PDB file of N, CA and C in Angstrom:
ATOM      1  N   UNK A   1     -27.016 -85.831-140.846  1.00  0.00           N
ATOM      2  CA  UNK A   1     -27.310 -86.987-140.013  1.00  0.00           C
ATOM      3  C   UNK A   1     -27.768 -86.486-138.653  1.00  0.00           C
ATOM      4  N   UNK A   2     -28.830 -87.068-138.161  1.00  0.00           N
ATOM      5  CA  UNK A   2     -29.362 -86.724-136.851  1.00  0.00           C
ATOM      6  C   UNK A   2     -28.393 -87.225-135.778  1.00  0.00           C
ATOM      7  N   UNK A   3     -28.340 -86.550-134.662  1.00  0.00           N
ATOM      8  CA  UNK A   3     -27.366 -86.891-133.623  1.00  0.00           C
ATOM      9  C   UNK A   3     -27.523 -88.326-133.127  1.00  0.00           C
ATOM     10  N   UNK A   4     -28.752 -88.838-133.091  1.00  0.00           N
ATOM     11  CA  UNK A   4     -28.951 -90.226-132.645  1.00  0.00           C
ATOM     12  C   UNK A   4     -28.275 -91.217-133.577  1.00  0.00           C
ATOM     13  N   UNK A   5     -28.380 -90.979-134.880  1.00  0.00           N
ATOM     14  CA  UNK A   5     -27.758 -91.864-135.860  1.00  0.00           C
ATOM     15  C   UNK A   5     -26.245 -91.779-135.780  1.00  0.00           C
ATOM     16  N   UNK A   6     -25.740 -90.567-135.606  1.00  0.00           N
ATOM     17  CA  UNK A   6     -24.297 -90.375-135.518  1.00  0.00           C
ATOM     18  C   UNK A   6     -23.730 -91.077-134.289  1.00  0.00           C
ATOM     19  N   UNK A   7     -24.426 -90.993-133.159  1.00  0.00           N
ATOM     20  CA  UNK A   7     -23.956 -91.658-131.937  1.00  0.00           C
ATOM     21  C   UNK A   7     -24.052 -93.172-132.054  1.00  0.00           C
ATOM     22  N   UNK A   8     -25.077 -93.677-132.715  1.00  0.00           N
ATOM     23  CA  UNK A   8     -25.184 -95.120-132.945  1.00  0.00           C
ATOM     24  C   UNK A   8     -24.026 -95.597-133.805  1.00  0.00           C
ATOM     25  N   UNK A   9     -23.704 -94.843-134.843  1.00  0.00           N
ATOM     26  CA  UNK A   9     -22.601 -95.208-135.717  1.00  0.00           C
ATOM     27  C   UNK A   9     -21.279 -95.194-134.948  1.00  0.00           C
ATOM     28  N   UNK A  10     -21.060 -94.192-134.133  1.00  0.00           N
ATOM     29  CA  UNK A  10     -19.826 -94.123-133.347  1.00  0.00           C
ATOM     30  C   UNK A  10     -19.745 -95.259-132.335  1.00  0.00           C
ATOM     31  N   UNK A  11     -20.866 -95.648-131.741  1.00  0.00           N
ATOM     32  CA  UNK A  11     -20.865 -96.757-130.791  1.00  0.00           C
ATOM     33  C   UNK A  11     -20.533 -98.077-131.475  1.00  0.00           C
ATOM     34  N   UNK A  12     -21.094 -98.303-132.660  1.00  0.00           N
ATOM     35  CA  UNK A  12     -20.794 -99.538-133.387  1.00  0.00           C
ATOM     36  C   UNK A  12     -19.336 -99.579-133.828  1.00  0.00           C
ATOM     37  N   UNK A  13     -18.801 -98.455-134.234  1.00  0.00           N
ATOM     38  CA  UNK A  13     -17.389 -98.410-134.643  1.00  0.00           C
ATOM     39  C   UNK A  13     -16.475 -98.671-133.454  1.00  0.00           C
ATOM     40  N   UNK A  14     -16.851 -98.164-132.292  1.00  0.00           N
ATOM     41  CA  UNK A  14     -16.010 -98.398-131.108  1.00  0.00           C
ATOM     42  C   UNK A  14     -16.041 -99.858-130.659  1.00  0.00           C
ATOM     43  N   UNK A  15     -17.107-100.589-131.000  1.00  0.00           N
ATOM     44  CA  UNK A  15     -17.188-102.003-130.645  1.00  0.00           C
ATOM     45  C   UNK A  15     -16.347-102.892-131.554  1.00  0.00           C
ATOM     46  N   UNK A  16     -16.094-102.445-132.767  1.00  0.00           N
ATOM     47  CA  UNK A  16     -15.326-103.234-133.732  1.00  0.00           C
ATOM     48  C   UNK A  16     -13.851-102.905-133.591  1.00  0.00           C
ATOM     49  N   UNK A  17     -13.007-103.925-133.383  1.00  0.00           N
ATOM     50  CA  UNK A  17     -11.594-103.645-133.101  1.00  0.00           C
ATOM     51  C   UNK A  17     -10.808-103.105-134.289  1.00  0.00           C
ATOM     52  N   UNK A  18     -11.143-103.488-135.515  1.00  0.00           N
ATOM     53  CA  UNK A  18     -10.361-103.068-136.679  1.00  0.00           C
ATOM     54  C   UNK A  18     -11.214-102.270-137.658  1.00  0.00           C
ATOM     55  N   UNK A  19     -12.050-101.417-137.144  1.00  0.00           N
ATOM     56  CA  UNK A  19     -12.955-100.640-137.994  1.00  0.00           C
ATOM     57  C   UNK A  19     -12.189 -99.539-138.728  1.00  0.00           C
ATOM     58  N   UNK A  20     -12.548 -99.366-140.001  1.00  0.00           N
ATOM     59  CA  UNK A  20     -11.956 -98.315-140.826  1.00  0.00           C
ATOM     60  C   UNK A  20     -13.097 -97.533-141.444  1.00  0.00           C
ATOM     61  N   UNK A  21     -13.096 -96.227-141.236  1.00  0.00           N
ATOM     62  CA  UNK A  21     -14.138 -95.382-141.824  1.00  0.00           C
ATOM     63  C   UNK A  21     -13.764 -95.039-143.253  1.00  0.00           C
ATOM     64  N   UNK A  22     -14.763 -95.023-144.094  1.00  0.00           N
ATOM     65  CA  UNK A  22     -14.574 -94.600-145.483  1.00  0.00           C
ATOM     66  C   UNK A  22     -15.303 -93.283-145.663  1.00  0.00           C
ATOM     67  N   UNK A  23     -14.930 -92.535-146.668  1.00  0.00           N
ATOM     68  CA  UNK A  23     -15.569 -91.251-146.914  1.00  0.00           C
ATOM     69  C   UNK A  23     -17.015 -91.449-147.350  1.00  0.00           C
ATOM     70  N   UNK A  24     -17.718 -90.360-147.489  1.00  0.00           N
ATOM     71  CA  UNK A  24     -19.119 -90.422-147.888  1.00  0.00           C
ATOM     72  C   UNK A  24     -19.254 -91.065-149.251  1.00  0.00           C
ATOM     73  N   UNK A  25     -20.372 -91.741-149.448  1.00  0.00           N
ATOM     74  CA  UNK A  25     -20.622 -92.474-150.673  1.00  0.00           C
ATOM     75  C   UNK A  25     -21.959 -92.038-151.240  1.00  0.00           C
ATOM     76  N   UNK A  26     -22.021 -91.827-152.523  1.00  0.00           N
ATOM     77  CA  UNK A  26     -23.272 -91.442-153.170  1.00  0.00           C
ATOM     78  C   UNK A  26     -24.172 -92.673-153.251  1.00  0.00           C
ATOM     79  N   UNK A  27     -25.329 -92.624-152.613  1.00  0.00           N
ATOM     80  CA  UNK A  27     -26.214 -93.788-152.564  1.00  0.00           C
ATOM     81  C   UNK A  27     -27.003 -93.976-153.843  1.00  0.00           C
ATOM     82  N   UNK A  28     -26.892 -93.043-154.765  1.00  0.00           N
ATOM     83  CA  UNK A  28     -27.581 -93.218-156.036  1.00  0.00           C
ATOM     84  C   UNK A  28     -26.883 -94.265-156.885  1.00  0.00           C
ATOM     85  N   UNK A  29     -25.617 -94.498-156.606  1.00  0.00           N
ATOM     86  CA  UNK A  29     -24.909 -95.571-157.293  1.00  0.00           C
ATOM     87  C   UNK A  29     -25.433 -96.904-156.772  1.00  0.00           C
ATOM     88  N   UNK A  30     -25.101 -97.951-157.464  1.00  0.00           N
ATOM     89  CA  UNK A  30     -25.530 -99.265-157.003  1.00  0.00           C
ATOM     90  C   UNK A  30     -24.740 -99.646-155.755  1.00  0.00           C
ATOM     91  N   UNK A  31     -25.293-100.535-154.992  1.00  0.00           N
ATOM     92  CA  UNK A  31     -24.629-100.946-153.753  1.00  0.00           C
ATOM     93  C   UNK A  31     -23.469-101.897-154.012  1.00  0.00           C
ATOM     94  N   UNK A  32     -23.229-102.258-155.276  1.00  0.00           N
ATOM     95  CA  UNK A  32     -22.070-103.086-155.605  1.00  0.00           C
ATOM     96  C   UNK A  32     -20.766-102.346-155.341  1.00  0.00           C
ATOM     97  N   UNK A  33     -20.839-101.029-155.309  1.00  0.00           N
ATOM     98  CA  UNK A  33     -19.651-100.224-155.035  1.00  0.00           C
ATOM     99  C   UNK A  33     -19.115-100.525-153.638  1.00  0.00           C
ATOM    100  N   UNK A  34     -20.001-100.827-152.719  1.00  0.00           N
ATOM    101  CA  UNK A  34     -19.577-101.124-151.338  1.00  0.00           C
ATOM    102  C   UNK A  34     -18.716-102.377-151.309  1.00  0.00           C
ATOM    103  N   UNK A  35     -19.124-103.413-152.018  1.00  0.00           N
ATOM    104  CA  UNK A  35     -18.313-104.631-152.033  1.00  0.00           C
ATOM    105  C   UNK A  35     -16.985-104.399-152.755  1.00  0.00           C
ATOM    106  N   UNK A  36     -16.968-103.549-153.774  1.00  0.00           N
ATOM    107  CA  UNK A  36     -15.721-103.239-154.460  1.00  0.00           C
ATOM    108  C   UNK A  36     -14.753-102.503-153.537  1.00  0.00           C
ATOM    109  N   UNK A  37     -15.278-101.567-152.758  1.00  0.00           N
ATOM    110  CA  UNK A  37     -14.421-100.831-151.815  1.00  0.00           C
ATOM    111  C   UNK A  37     -13.865-101.767-150.761  1.00  0.00           C
ATOM    112  N   UNK A  38     -14.697-102.671-150.265  1.00  0.00           N
ATOM    113  CA  UNK A  38     -14.206-103.596-149.238  1.00  0.00           C
ATOM    114  C   UNK A  38     -13.170-104.560-149.807  1.00  0.00           C
ATOM    115  N   UNK A  39     -13.310-104.954-151.072  1.00  0.00           N
ATOM    116  CA  UNK A  39     -12.293-105.800-151.686  1.00  0.00           C
ATOM    117  C   UNK A  39     -10.976-105.046-151.851  1.00  0.00           C
ATOM    118  N   UNK A  40     -11.051-103.765-152.224  1.00  0.00           N
ATOM    119  CA  UNK A  40      -9.836-102.971-152.373  1.00  0.00           C
ATOM    120  C   UNK A  40      -9.111-102.791-151.045  1.00  0.00           C
ATOM    121  N   UNK A  41      -9.860-102.709-149.960  1.00  0.00           N
ATOM    122  CA  UNK A  41      -9.280-102.547-148.620  1.00  0.00           C
ATOM    123  C   UNK A  41      -8.946-103.884-147.957  1.00  0.00           C
ATOM    124  N   UNK A  42      -9.160-104.991-148.670  1.00  0.00           N
ATOM    125  CA  UNK A  42      -8.921-106.351-148.157  1.00  0.00           C
ATOM    126  C   UNK A  42      -9.778-106.651-146.940  1.00  0.00           C
ATOM    127  N   UNK A  43     -11.026-106.205-146.987  1.00  0.00           N
ATOM    128  CA  UNK A  43     -11.973-106.469-145.907  1.00  0.00           C
ATOM    129  C   UNK A  43     -12.953-107.551-146.363  1.00  0.00           C
ATOM    130  N   UNK A  44     -13.393-108.365-145.428  1.00  0.00           N
ATOM    131  CA  UNK A  44     -14.379-109.384-145.776  1.00  0.00           C
ATOM    132  C   UNK A  44     -15.781-108.972-145.352  1.00  0.00           C
ATOM    133  N   UNK A  45     -15.893-108.088-144.380  1.00  0.00           N
ATOM    134  CA  UNK A  45     -17.199-107.644-143.901  1.00  0.00           C
ATOM    135  C   UNK A  45     -17.287-106.125-144.000  1.00  0.00           C
ATOM    136  N   UNK A  46     -18.501-105.636-144.251  1.00  0.00           N
ATOM    137  CA  UNK A  46     -18.679-104.192-144.316  1.00  0.00           C
ATOM    138  C   UNK A  46     -20.032-103.809-143.738  1.00  0.00           C
ATOM    139  N   UNK A  47     -20.089-102.580-143.226  1.00  0.00           N
ATOM    140  CA  UNK A  47     -21.312-102.014-142.653  1.00  0.00           C
ATOM    141  C   UNK A  47     -21.546-100.680-143.356  1.00  0.00           C
ATOM    142  N   UNK A  48     -22.760-100.476-143.838  1.00  0.00           N
ATOM    143  CA  UNK A  48     -23.098 -99.248-144.565  1.00  0.00           C
ATOM    144  C   UNK A  48     -24.308 -98.613-143.900  1.00  0.00           C
ATOM    145  N   UNK A  49     -24.194 -97.334-143.554  1.00  0.00           N
ATOM    146  CA  UNK A  49     -25.276 -96.582-142.936  1.00  0.00           C
ATOM    147  C   UNK A  49     -25.908 -95.701-143.999  1.00  0.00           C
ATOM    148  N   UNK A  50     -27.206 -95.824-144.176  1.00  0.00           N
ATOM    149  CA  UNK A  50     -27.930 -95.067-145.192  1.00  0.00           C
ATOM    150  C   UNK A  50     -29.087 -94.337-144.518  1.00  0.00           C
ATOM    151  N   UNK A  51     -29.101 -93.002-144.626  1.00  0.00           N
ATOM    152  CA  UNK A  51     -30.155 -92.188-144.012  1.00  0.00           C
ATOM    153  C   UNK A  51     -31.039 -91.633-145.117  1.00  0.00           C
ATOM    154  N   UNK A  52     -32.330 -91.821-144.973  1.00  0.00           N
ATOM    155  CA  UNK A  52     -33.293 -91.324-145.960  1.00  0.00           C
ATOM    156  C   UNK A  52     -34.182 -90.278-145.309  1.00  0.00           C
ATOM    157  N   UNK A  53     -34.260 -89.112-145.906  1.00  0.00           N
ATOM    158  CA  UNK A  53     -35.132 -88.018-145.488  1.00  0.00           C
ATOM    159  C   UNK A  53     -34.911 -87.589-144.036  1.00  0.00           C
ATOM    160  N   UNK A  54     -33.711 -87.755-143.527  1.00  0.00           N
ATOM    161  CA  UNK A  54     -33.349 -87.356-142.152  1.00  0.00           C
ATOM    162  C   UNK A  54     -34.229 -88.013-141.093  1.00  0.00           C
ATOM    163  N   UNK A  55     -34.917 -89.088-141.435  1.00  0.00           N
ATOM    164  CA  UNK A  55     -35.776 -89.781-140.475  1.00  0.00           C
ATOM    165  C   UNK A  55     -35.423 -91.250-140.344  1.00  0.00           C
ATOM    166  N   UNK A  56     -35.204 -91.888-141.471  1.00  0.00           N
ATOM    167  CA  UNK A  56     -35.031 -93.336-141.492  1.00  0.00           C
ATOM    168  C   UNK A  56     -33.562 -93.698-141.647  1.00  0.00           C
ATOM    169  N   UNK A  57     -33.108 -94.587-140.786  1.00  0.00           N
ATOM    170  CA  UNK A  57     -31.747 -95.082-140.865  1.00  0.00           C
ATOM    171  C   UNK A  57     -31.788 -96.544-141.277  1.00  0.00           C
ATOM    172  N   UNK A  58     -31.050 -96.869-142.314  1.00  0.00           N
ATOM    173  CA  UNK A  58     -30.906 -98.249-142.765  1.00  0.00           C
ATOM    174  C   UNK A  58     -29.462 -98.649-142.564  1.00  0.00           C
ATOM    175  N   UNK A  59     -29.253 -99.826-141.982  1.00  0.00           N
ATOM    176  CA  UNK A  59     -27.905-100.342-141.767  1.00  0.00           C
ATOM    177  C   UNK A  59     -27.774-101.622-142.582  1.00  0.00           C
ATOM    178  N   UNK A  60     -26.780-101.640-143.456  1.00  0.00           N
ATOM    179  CA  UNK A  60     -26.508-102.806-144.291  1.00  0.00           C
ATOM    180  C   UNK A  60     -25.259-103.494-143.754  1.00  0.00           C
ATOM    181  N   UNK A  61     -25.368-104.772-143.459  1.00  0.00           N
ATOM    182  CA  UNK A  61     -24.221-105.605-143.112  1.00  0.00           C
ATOM    183  C   UNK A  61     -24.000-106.550-144.286  1.00  0.00           C
ATOM    184  N   UNK A  62     -22.787-106.564-144.836  1.00  0.00           N
ATOM    185  CA  UNK A  62     -22.517-107.424-145.986  1.00  0.00           C
ATOM    186  C   UNK A  62     -21.204-108.165-145.809  1.00  0.00           C
ATOM    187  N   UNK A  63     -21.166-109.330-146.406  1.00  0.00           N
ATOM    188  CA  UNK A  63     -19.944-110.119-146.447  1.00  0.00           C
ATOM    189  C   UNK A  63     -19.481-110.150-147.896  1.00  0.00           C
ATOM    190  N   UNK A  64     -18.295-109.613-148.123  1.00  0.00           N
ATOM    191  CA  UNK A  64     -17.789-109.500-149.495  1.00  0.00           C
ATOM    192  C   UNK A  64     -17.034-110.766-149.878  1.00  0.00           C
ATOM    193  N   UNK A  65     -16.969-111.139-151.107  1.00  0.00           N
ATOM    194  CA  UNK A  65     -17.620-110.547-152.266  1.00  0.00           C
ATOM    195  C   UNK A  65     -18.991-111.159-152.563  1.00  0.00           C
ATOM    196  N   UNK A  66     -19.228-112.402-152.195  1.00  0.00           N
ATOM    197  CA  UNK A  66     -20.483-113.048-152.595  1.00  0.00           C
ATOM    198  C   UNK A  66     -21.327-113.512-151.420  1.00  0.00           C
ATOM    199  N   UNK A  67     -21.034-113.017-150.249  1.00  0.00           N
ATOM    200  CA  UNK A  67     -21.724-113.479-149.064  1.00  0.00           C
ATOM    201  C   UNK A  67     -23.113-112.885-148.909  1.00  0.00           C
ATOM    202  N   UNK A  68     -23.790-113.261-147.855  1.00  0.00           N
ATOM    203  CA  UNK A  68     -25.127-112.717-147.616  1.00  0.00           C
ATOM    204  C   UNK A  68     -25.055-111.272-147.135  1.00  0.00           C
ATOM    205  N   UNK A  69     -26.187-110.595-147.226  1.00  0.00           N
ATOM    206  CA  UNK A  69     -26.275-109.228-146.720  1.00  0.00           C
ATOM    207  C   UNK A  69     -27.556-109.096-145.913  1.00  0.00           C
ATOM    208  N   UNK A  70     -27.499-108.232-144.907  1.00  0.00           N
ATOM    209  CA  UNK A  70     -28.638-107.974-144.036  1.00  0.00           C
ATOM    210  C   UNK A  70     -28.952-106.491-144.071  1.00  0.00           C
ATOM    211  N   UNK A  71     -30.219-106.159-144.055  1.00  0.00           N
ATOM    212  CA  UNK A  71     -30.641-104.765-144.041  1.00  0.00           C
ATOM    213  C   UNK A  71     -31.545-104.563-142.842  1.00  0.00           C
ATOM    214  N   UNK A  72     -31.182-103.609-141.994  1.00  0.00           N
ATOM    215  CA  UNK A  72     -31.974-103.282-140.813  1.00  0.00           C
ATOM    216  C   UNK A  72     -32.511-101.864-140.932  1.00  0.00           C
ATOM    217  N   UNK A  73     -33.709-101.674-140.477  1.00  0.00           N
ATOM    218  CA  UNK A  73     -34.314-100.346-140.437  1.00  0.00           C
ATOM    219  C   UNK A  73     -34.395 -99.924-138.991  1.00  0.00           C
ATOM    220  N   UNK A  74     -33.756 -98.803-138.640  1.00  0.00           N
ATOM    221  CA  UNK A  74     -33.744 -98.342-137.255  1.00  0.00           C
ATOM    222  C   UNK A  74     -34.651 -97.157-137.081  1.00  0.00           C
TER     223      UNK A  74
END
């Protein structure tokens, strides 16, 4: 992860009062795994950072289990 992406992630985590970091996730799996993890942790909202080719950062905001999701390209 490029330092800019890492600092953005740390800034967003510091803004959220009850943020919990999860370990690395294989993005080749379907993104349904993210909602399953958030259900296991009793979370209703989740944020997923996805870096492609060390250049593009995608941020997914989702509401579990059946809520809307947003994808941002930074």
